[in-house]
Amino acid sequence: MLLRYGSLLFAAPAILLLSLYGIELSAVSECTTQGLSYSYQSGECSSQLIEQMSYYRRHSGLVNSMMLLSMLGSFMMIFGMLKKGMTRPPEER
């Protein structure tokens, strides 16, 4: 059970972060295709030159908390594997 929940907790934050980053990247590339700049504050295209900031700089709390959850999930998986122990498949007769 720990192994299942740990693997879910390990993968879900990364999937969430990649999804949010991809949605924002899609909006940014749409603006740059039109020759405009993307305003991260308002979420709109602008003709003014706007300073570009990394995703981590803008959402450091979200990224850090998701990585902590992922680490917790990896520790849960490790503990689940250690608790389960090594098992061998049954021998065929």
Protein backbone atom coordinates (compact mmCIF):
# COMPACT_ATOMS: atom_id res chain seq x y z
CA MET A 1 0.00 0.00 0.00
CA LEU A 2 2.84 2.37 0.87
CA LEU A 3 4.48 1.54 -2.42
CA ARG A 4 1.37 2.47 -4.41
CA TYR A 5 0.70 5.73 -2.59
CA GLY A 6 4.38 6.60 -2.71
CA SER A 7 4.59 6.10 -6.45
CA LEU A 8 1.47 8.22 -6.94
CA LEU A 9 2.88 10.95 -4.71
CA PHE A 10 6.19 10.70 -6.54
CA ALA A 11 4.72 11.16 -10.04
CA ALA A 12 1.69 13.43 -9.54
CA PRO A 13 3.57 16.64 -8.60
CA ALA A 14 5.85 16.36 -11.65
CA ILE A 15 2.87 15.80 -13.94
CA LEU A 16 1.09 18.81 -12.41
CA LEU A 17 4.15 21.06 -12.80
CA LEU A 18 4.72 19.97 -16.40
CA SER A 19 1.07 20.61 -17.23
CA LEU A 20 1.06 24.10 -15.71
CA TYR A 21 4.37 24.95 -17.37
CA GLY A 22 3.13 23.67 -20.73
CA ILE A 23 -0.04 25.75 -20.57
CA GLU A 24 1.95 28.88 -19.82
CA LEU A 25 4.56 28.07 -22.47
CA SER A 26 1.78 27.70 -25.03
CA ALA A 27 0.52 31.21 -24.25
CA VAL A 28 4.05 32.65 -24.40
CA SER A 29 4.83 31.03 -27.75
CA GLU A 30 1.54 32.31 -29.16
CA CYS A 31 2.56 35.87 -28.26
CA THR A 32 6.09 35.56 -29.60
CA THR A 33 4.75 34.14 -32.86
CA GLN A 34 2.77 37.35 -33.27
CA GLY A 35 5.89 39.43 -32.56
CA LEU A 36 4.65 40.54 -29.14
CA SER A 37 5.88 40.04 -25.58
CA TYR A 38 4.01 38.04 -22.94
CA SER A 39 3.22 39.80 -19.67
CA TYR A 40 3.45 37.28 -16.85
CA GLN A 41 1.71 39.69 -14.47
CA SER A 42 -1.50 40.08 -16.48
CA GLY A 43 -1.25 36.95 -18.64
CA GLU A 44 -1.75 38.93 -21.85
CA CYS A 45 0.26 39.83 -24.92
CA SER A 46 1.81 43.27 -24.98
CA SER A 47 3.67 45.33 -27.54
CA GLN A 48 6.03 46.68 -24.85
CA LEU A 49 9.28 44.88 -24.14
CA ILE A 50 8.81 42.94 -20.90
CA GLU A 51 11.53 41.36 -18.76
CA GLN A 52 11.51 37.58 -19.04
CA MET A 53 11.62 35.61 -15.79
CA SER A 54 12.05 31.90 -15.30
CA TYR A 55 9.11 29.75 -14.20
CA TYR A 56 10.92 28.92 -10.97
CA ARG A 57 11.47 32.58 -10.14
CA ARG A 58 7.78 33.34 -10.56
CA HIS A 59 6.43 30.21 -8.86
CA SER A 60 9.20 29.15 -6.49
CA GLY A 61 6.81 28.19 -3.68
CA LEU A 62 4.80 25.90 -5.95
CA VAL A 63 7.87 24.27 -7.48
CA ASN A 64 9.56 23.74 -4.11
CA SER A 65 6.45 22.28 -2.50
CA MET A 66 5.84 19.93 -5.43
CA MET A 67 9.45 18.72 -5.27
CA LEU A 68 9.10 18.13 -1.51
CA LEU A 69 5.97 16.07 -2.14
CA SER A 70 7.82 14.10 -4.78
CA MET A 71 10.67 13.44 -2.36
CA LEU A 72 8.18 12.30 0.27
CA GLY A 73 6.74 9.93 -2.32
CA SER A 74 10.17 8.51 -3.10
CA PHE A 75 10.84 7.91 0.61
CA MET A 76 7.45 6.21 0.92
CA MET A 77 8.37 3.94 -2.01
CA ILE A 78 11.74 3.11 -0.47
CA PHE A 79 10.17 2.37 2.91
CA GLY A 80 7.47 0.27 1.24
CA MET A 81 10.09 -1.78 -0.62
CA LEU A 82 12.14 -2.29 2.53
CA LYS A 83 9.05 -3.25 4.52
CA LYS A 84 7.89 -5.73 1.88
CA GLY A 85 11.29 -7.39 1.70
CA MET A 86 12.66 -9.53 -1.04
CA THR A 87 10.27 -12.10 -2.43
CA ARG A 88 10.98 -14.84 -4.89
CA PRO A 89 8.51 -16.09 -7.45
CA PRO A 90 7.04 -19.51 -6.63
CA GLU A 91 8.95 -22.39 -8.16
CA GLU A 92 7.28 -24.25 -10.98
CA ARG A 93 6.93 -28.01 -10.66
